[in-house]
């Protein structure tokens, strides 16, 4: 049995750790597999288990960075184009150890509302975040870049009934994130 103290501490220590904070060292693939295994134990209405993942690492990281930057360039009006954003999209994947594409596979019947399937995937990602925290590994769920572009689905080979929900960057922490701050829960609850 886990201690409630350790459980509370794990939840409260979870932080987003961004690519600029990574050392560039590799995270052991066994940790990535453990993150994915724990994701698989998220709650799921109707036992549909809609979470799906594609793991990018090694030579796929620069290729993904180049793809994202070019997709941004192709989908941005010339007057709105930001060279710094282009370079960030290109370079950030090169700083990560692994990037896990997060997507939802909709069940064939459509019985479970789509929002509930998306919520199940979000729970799976929270399990990955908590696992990363337990291993002292940096992680960050990005919904930028190619997430909502049709090219993102094409790059990953996703089907029509699959929805890309973002990219989970993973890396060895070089510069820790600051302590988290939350407003009191009493301000957010009515009895």
C-alpha atoms as a PDB file:
ATOM      1  CA  UNK A   1       0.000   0.000   0.000  1.00  0.00           C
ATOM      2  CA  UNK A   2       1.319   3.456  -0.917  1.00  0.00           C
ATOM      3  CA  UNK A   3       1.514   6.028   1.808  1.00  0.00           C
ATOM      4  CA  UNK A   4      -0.889   8.925   1.416  1.00  0.00           C
ATOM      5  CA  UNK A   5       2.026  11.265   2.177  1.00  0.00           C
ATOM      6  CA  UNK A   6       4.027   9.929  -0.783  1.00  0.00           C
ATOM      7  CA  UNK A   7       0.988  10.047  -3.058  1.00  0.00           C
ATOM      8  CA  UNK A   8       0.196  13.653  -2.109  1.00  0.00           C
ATOM      9  CA  UNK A   9       3.846  14.651  -2.560  1.00  0.00           C
ATOM     10  CA  UNK A  10       4.059  13.031  -6.001  1.00  0.00           C
ATOM     11  CA  UNK A  11       0.938  14.831  -7.233  1.00  0.00           C
ATOM     12  CA  UNK A  12       2.082  18.203  -5.855  1.00  0.00           C
ATOM     13  CA  UNK A  13       5.633  17.861  -7.211  1.00  0.00           C
ATOM     14  CA  UNK A  14       4.509  17.235 -10.799  1.00  0.00           C
ATOM     15  CA  UNK A  15       5.744  20.030 -13.066  1.00  0.00           C
ATOM     16  CA  UNK A  16       5.982  20.744 -16.743  1.00  0.00           C
ATOM     17  CA  UNK A  17       9.654  20.726 -17.674  1.00  0.00           C
ATOM     18  CA  UNK A  18      10.341  22.346 -21.034  1.00  0.00           C
ATOM     19  CA  UNK A  19      12.949  21.397 -23.670  1.00  0.00           C
ATOM     20  CA  UNK A  20      15.177  24.369 -22.756  1.00  0.00           C
ATOM     21  CA  UNK A  21      15.544  22.767 -19.305  1.00  0.00           C
ATOM     22  CA  UNK A  22      16.771  19.394 -20.636  1.00  0.00           C
ATOM     23  CA  UNK A  23      20.404  18.301 -20.583  1.00  0.00           C
ATOM     24  CA  UNK A  24      20.263  16.493 -23.933  1.00  0.00           C
ATOM     25  CA  UNK A  25      20.995  13.119 -22.277  1.00  0.00           C
ATOM     26  CA  UNK A  26      18.843  10.113 -23.107  1.00  0.00           C
ATOM     27  CA  UNK A  27      16.132   8.815 -20.806  1.00  0.00           C
ATOM     28  CA  UNK A  28      16.240   5.026 -20.535  1.00  0.00           C
ATOM     29  CA  UNK A  29      13.652   3.391 -22.815  1.00  0.00           C
ATOM     30  CA  UNK A  30      12.541   1.271 -19.828  1.00  0.00           C
ATOM     31  CA  UNK A  31      11.281   4.461 -18.147  1.00  0.00           C
ATOM     32  CA  UNK A  32       9.388   5.435 -21.306  1.00  0.00           C
ATOM     33  CA  UNK A  33       7.781   1.978 -21.358  1.00  0.00           C
ATOM     34  CA  UNK A  34       6.827   2.355 -17.679  1.00  0.00           C
ATOM     35  CA  UNK A  35       5.231   5.736 -18.435  1.00  0.00           C
ATOM     36  CA  UNK A  36       3.239   4.162 -21.261  1.00  0.00           C
ATOM     37  CA  UNK A  37       2.255   1.142 -19.140  1.00  0.00           C
ATOM     38  CA  UNK A  38       0.946   3.463 -16.422  1.00  0.00           C
ATOM     39  CA  UNK A  39      -0.905   5.513 -19.051  1.00  0.00           C
ATOM     40  CA  UNK A  40      -2.668   2.302 -20.008  1.00  0.00           C
ATOM     41  CA  UNK A  41      -4.234   2.142 -16.527  1.00  0.00           C
ATOM     42  CA  UNK A  42      -6.180   5.391 -16.853  1.00  0.00           C
ATOM     43  CA  UNK A  43      -9.937   5.368 -16.266  1.00  0.00           C
ATOM     44  CA  UNK A  44     -11.984   4.717 -19.397  1.00  0.00           C
ATOM     45  CA  UNK A  45     -15.761   4.843 -19.810  1.00  0.00           C
ATOM     46  CA  UNK A  46     -17.012   1.697 -21.513  1.00  0.00           C
ATOM     47  CA  UNK A  47     -13.503   0.225 -21.359  1.00  0.00           C
ATOM     48  CA  UNK A  48     -12.735   1.710 -24.780  1.00  0.00           C
ATOM     49  CA  UNK A  49      -9.092   2.522 -23.874  1.00  0.00           C
ATOM     50  CA  UNK A  50      -8.906   5.284 -26.528  1.00  0.00           C
ATOM     51  CA  UNK A  51      -5.330   6.402 -25.817  1.00  0.00           C
ATOM     52  CA  UNK A  52      -2.736   5.765 -28.485  1.00  0.00           C
ATOM     53  CA  UNK A  53       0.903   6.836 -28.721  1.00  0.00           C
ATOM     54  CA  UNK A  54       3.734   7.100 -31.222  1.00  0.00           C
ATOM     55  CA  UNK A  55       7.219   7.344 -29.673  1.00  0.00           C
ATOM     56  CA  UNK A  56       9.769   9.464 -31.542  1.00  0.00           C
ATOM     57  CA  UNK A  57      13.451   9.328 -30.603  1.00  0.00           C
ATOM     58  CA  UNK A  58      16.959   9.424 -32.086  1.00  0.00           C
ATOM     59  CA  UNK A  59      16.940  10.483 -35.772  1.00  0.00           C
ATOM     60  CA  UNK A  60      13.154  10.999 -35.728  1.00  0.00           C
ATOM     61  CA  UNK A  61      13.514  14.014 -33.404  1.00  0.00           C
ATOM     62  CA  UNK A  62      15.316  16.320 -35.896  1.00  0.00           C
ATOM     63  CA  UNK A  63      12.980  15.104 -38.650  1.00  0.00           C
ATOM     64  CA  UNK A  64       9.983  15.989 -36.479  1.00  0.00           C
ATOM     65  CA  UNK A  65      11.449  19.416 -35.678  1.00  0.00           C
ATOM     66  CA  UNK A  66      12.010  20.162 -39.368  1.00  0.00           C
ATOM     67  CA  UNK A  67       8.502  18.944 -40.205  1.00  0.00           C
ATOM     68  CA  UNK A  68       6.856  21.097 -37.516  1.00  0.00           C
ATOM     69  CA  UNK A  69       8.784  24.212 -38.509  1.00  0.00           C
ATOM     70  CA  UNK A  70       7.892  23.756 -42.192  1.00  0.00           C
ATOM     71  CA  UNK A  71       4.230  23.090 -41.339  1.00  0.00           C
ATOM     72  CA  UNK A  72       4.190  26.338 -39.347  1.00  0.00           C
ATOM     73  CA  UNK A  73       5.768  28.216 -42.261  1.00  0.00           C
ATOM     74  CA  UNK A  74       3.286  26.773 -44.784  1.00  0.00           C
ATOM     75  CA  UNK A  75       0.254  27.540 -42.575  1.00  0.00           C
ATOM     76  CA  UNK A  76       1.201  31.036 -41.417  1.00  0.00           C
ATOM     77  CA  UNK A  77       0.486  34.186 -43.426  1.00  0.00           C
ATOM     78  CA  UNK A  78       3.700  36.014 -44.366  1.00  0.00           C
ATOM     79  CA  UNK A  79       2.753  39.049 -42.253  1.00  0.00           C
ATOM     80  CA  UNK A  80       2.292  36.833 -39.146  1.00  0.00           C
ATOM     81  CA  UNK A  81       5.361  34.636 -39.621  1.00  0.00           C
ATOM     82  CA  UNK A  82       7.762  34.712 -36.639  1.00  0.00           C
ATOM     83  CA  UNK A  83      11.298  33.491 -37.342  1.00  0.00           C
ATOM     84  CA  UNK A  84      11.942  32.877 -33.609  1.00  0.00           C
ATOM     85  CA  UNK A  85       8.865  30.620 -33.381  1.00  0.00           C
ATOM     86  CA  UNK A  86       9.979  28.795 -36.548  1.00  0.00           C
ATOM     87  CA  UNK A  87      13.405  28.097 -34.994  1.00  0.00           C
ATOM     88  CA  UNK A  88      11.894  27.063 -31.656  1.00  0.00           C
ATOM     89  CA  UNK A  89       9.640  24.528 -33.396  1.00  0.00           C
ATOM     90  CA  UNK A  90      12.677  23.228 -35.264  1.00  0.00           C
ATOM     91  CA  UNK A  91      15.090  23.076 -32.318  1.00  0.00           C
ATOM     92  CA  UNK A  92      12.943  21.961 -29.350  1.00  0.00           C
ATOM     93  CA  UNK A  93      12.545  18.355 -30.542  1.00  0.00           C
ATOM     94  CA  UNK A  94      16.337  18.102 -30.838  1.00  0.00           C
ATOM     95  CA  UNK A  95      16.644  18.895 -27.105  1.00  0.00           C
ATOM     96  CA  UNK A  96      14.300  16.090 -26.022  1.00  0.00           C
ATOM     97  CA  UNK A  97      15.202  12.485 -25.360  1.00  0.00           C
ATOM     98  CA  UNK A  98      11.824  11.224 -26.579  1.00  0.00           C
ATOM     99  CA  UNK A  99       8.635  12.815 -27.867  1.00  0.00           C
ATOM    100  CA  UNK A 100       5.452  10.829 -27.471  1.00  0.00           C
ATOM    101  CA  UNK A 101       2.685  11.787 -29.891  1.00  0.00           C
ATOM    102  CA  UNK A 102      -0.643  11.533 -28.065  1.00  0.00           C
ATOM    103  CA  UNK A 103      -3.778  10.652 -29.957  1.00  0.00           C
ATOM    104  CA  UNK A 104      -7.245   9.294 -29.421  1.00  0.00           C
ATOM    105  CA  UNK A 105      -8.728   6.407 -31.375  1.00  0.00           C
ATOM    106  CA  UNK A 106     -12.483   6.836 -31.460  1.00  0.00           C
ATOM    107  CA  UNK A 107     -14.457   3.643 -30.900  1.00  0.00           C
ATOM    108  CA  UNK A 108     -16.367   2.420 -33.953  1.00  0.00           C
ATOM    109  CA  UNK A 109     -19.864   2.620 -32.447  1.00  0.00           C
ATOM    110  CA  UNK A 110     -19.563   6.226 -31.263  1.00  0.00           C
ATOM    111  CA  UNK A 111     -21.561   5.187 -28.177  1.00  0.00           C
ATOM    112  CA  UNK A 112     -19.241   6.978 -25.765  1.00  0.00           C
ATOM    113  CA  UNK A 113     -19.268  10.762 -26.323  1.00  0.00           C
ATOM    114  CA  UNK A 114     -16.057  12.030 -27.931  1.00  0.00           C
ATOM    115  CA  UNK A 115     -15.354  14.395 -25.023  1.00  0.00           C
ATOM    116  CA  UNK A 116     -15.277  11.414 -22.644  1.00  0.00           C
ATOM    117  CA  UNK A 117     -12.742   9.678 -24.873  1.00  0.00           C
ATOM    118  CA  UNK A 118     -10.578  12.822 -24.888  1.00  0.00           C
ATOM    119  CA  UNK A 119     -10.890  13.036 -21.095  1.00  0.00           C
ATOM    120  CA  UNK A 120      -9.718   9.413 -20.807  1.00  0.00           C
ATOM    121  CA  UNK A 121      -6.643  10.247 -22.886  1.00  0.00           C
ATOM    122  CA  UNK A 122      -5.958  13.252 -20.635  1.00  0.00           C
ATOM    123  CA  UNK A 123      -6.081  10.929 -17.608  1.00  0.00           C
ATOM    124  CA  UNK A 124      -3.572   8.641 -19.359  1.00  0.00           C
ATOM    125  CA  UNK A 125      -1.267  11.623 -19.914  1.00  0.00           C
ATOM    126  CA  UNK A 126      -1.541  12.594 -16.240  1.00  0.00           C
ATOM    127  CA  UNK A 127      -0.407   9.053 -15.380  1.00  0.00           C
ATOM    128  CA  UNK A 128       2.615   9.585 -17.660  1.00  0.00           C
ATOM    129  CA  UNK A 129       3.340  12.922 -15.969  1.00  0.00           C
ATOM    130  CA  UNK A 130       3.207  11.354 -12.509  1.00  0.00           C
ATOM    131  CA  UNK A 131       5.446   8.477 -13.609  1.00  0.00           C
ATOM    132  CA  UNK A 132       7.970  10.933 -15.046  1.00  0.00           C
ATOM    133  CA  UNK A 133       7.908  12.820 -11.728  1.00  0.00           C
ATOM    134  CA  UNK A 134       8.494   9.609  -9.767  1.00  0.00           C
ATOM    135  CA  UNK A 135      11.565   8.888 -11.939  1.00  0.00           C
ATOM    136  CA  UNK A 136      12.759  12.526 -11.724  1.00  0.00           C
ATOM    137  CA  UNK A 137      12.393  12.859 -15.496  1.00  0.00           C
ATOM    138  CA  UNK A 138      11.261  16.062 -17.177  1.00  0.00           C
ATOM    139  CA  UNK A 139       8.039  16.077 -19.184  1.00  0.00           C
ATOM    140  CA  UNK A 140       5.830  18.581 -20.974  1.00  0.00           C
ATOM    141  CA  UNK A 141       2.534  18.145 -22.884  1.00  0.00           C
ATOM    142  CA  UNK A 142       2.596  20.473 -25.886  1.00  0.00           C
ATOM    143  CA  UNK A 143      -0.529  21.194 -27.898  1.00  0.00           C
ATOM    144  CA  UNK A 144       1.320  23.585 -30.195  1.00  0.00           C
ATOM    145  CA  UNK A 145       3.175  23.010 -33.418  1.00  0.00           C
ATOM    146  CA  UNK A 146       1.450  20.522 -35.715  1.00  0.00           C
ATOM    147  CA  UNK A 147      -1.113  19.279 -33.168  1.00  0.00           C
ATOM    148  CA  UNK A 148      -4.176  20.766 -34.840  1.00  0.00           C
ATOM    149  CA  UNK A 149      -2.893  20.841 -38.415  1.00  0.00           C
ATOM    150  CA  UNK A 150      -3.972  18.141 -40.894  1.00  0.00           C
ATOM    151  CA  UNK A 151      -0.276  17.636 -41.687  1.00  0.00           C
ATOM    152  CA  UNK A 152       0.295  16.434 -38.102  1.00  0.00           C
ATOM    153  CA  UNK A 153      -2.035  13.477 -38.607  1.00  0.00           C
ATOM    154  CA  UNK A 154      -0.458  12.745 -41.975  1.00  0.00           C
ATOM    155  CA  UNK A 155       3.086  12.850 -40.546  1.00  0.00           C
ATOM    156  CA  UNK A 156       2.102  10.240 -37.945  1.00  0.00           C
ATOM    157  CA  UNK A 157      -0.005   8.134 -40.299  1.00  0.00           C
ATOM    158  CA  UNK A 158      -3.210   8.587 -38.291  1.00  0.00           C
ATOM    159  CA  UNK A 159      -6.590   7.417 -39.578  1.00  0.00           C
ATOM    160  CA  UNK A 160      -9.703   9.546 -40.022  1.00  0.00           C
ATOM    161  CA  UNK A 161     -11.210   8.363 -36.696  1.00  0.00           C
ATOM    162  CA  UNK A 162      -8.016   9.259 -34.788  1.00  0.00           C
ATOM    163  CA  UNK A 163      -7.511  12.692 -33.234  1.00  0.00           C
ATOM    164  CA  UNK A 164      -4.074  14.116 -32.509  1.00  0.00           C
ATOM    165  CA  UNK A 165      -4.059  15.680 -29.017  1.00  0.00           C
ATOM    166  CA  UNK A 166      -0.468  16.831 -28.675  1.00  0.00           C
ATOM    167  CA  UNK A 167       3.108  15.838 -28.062  1.00  0.00           C
ATOM    168  CA  UNK A 168       4.634  14.737 -24.745  1.00  0.00           C
ATOM    169  CA  UNK A 169       8.259  15.897 -24.604  1.00  0.00           C
ATOM    170  CA  UNK A 170      10.529  13.893 -22.275  1.00  0.00           C
ATOM    171  CA  UNK A 171      14.078  14.688 -21.187  1.00  0.00           C
ATOM    172  CA  UNK A 172      16.665  14.541 -18.432  1.00  0.00           C
ATOM    173  CA  UNK A 173      16.209  17.566 -16.182  1.00  0.00           C
ATOM    174  CA  UNK A 174      19.127  19.989 -16.209  1.00  0.00           C
ATOM    175  CA  UNK A 175      17.296  22.970 -14.736  1.00  0.00           C
ATOM    176  CA  UNK A 176      14.363  22.108 -12.422  1.00  0.00           C
ATOM    177  CA  UNK A 177      11.066  23.954 -12.681  1.00  0.00           C
ATOM    178  CA  UNK A 178      10.106  26.263  -9.820  1.00  0.00           C
ATOM    179  CA  UNK A 179       7.756  25.061  -7.104  1.00  0.00           C
ATOM    180  CA  UNK A 180       4.126  25.116  -8.116  1.00  0.00           C
ATOM    181  CA  UNK A 181       1.599  27.577  -6.771  1.00  0.00           C
ATOM    182  CA  UNK A 182      -2.156  27.098  -6.563  1.00  0.00           C
ATOM    183  CA  UNK A 183      -4.934  29.276  -5.171  1.00  0.00           C
ATOM    184  CA  UNK A 184      -6.730  27.675  -2.191  1.00  0.00           C
ATOM    185  CA  UNK A 185      -9.136  24.901  -3.157  1.00  0.00           C
ATOM    186  CA  UNK A 186     -11.790  26.561  -0.966  1.00  0.00           C
ATOM    187  CA  UNK A 187     -12.040  29.301  -3.630  1.00  0.00           C
ATOM    188  CA  UNK A 188     -12.986  26.682  -6.234  1.00  0.00           C
ATOM    189  CA  UNK A 189     -15.522  24.545  -4.366  1.00  0.00           C
ATOM    190  CA  UNK A 190     -19.143  25.037  -3.363  1.00  0.00           C
ATOM    191  CA  UNK A 191     -20.889  22.700  -0.901  1.00  0.00           C
END
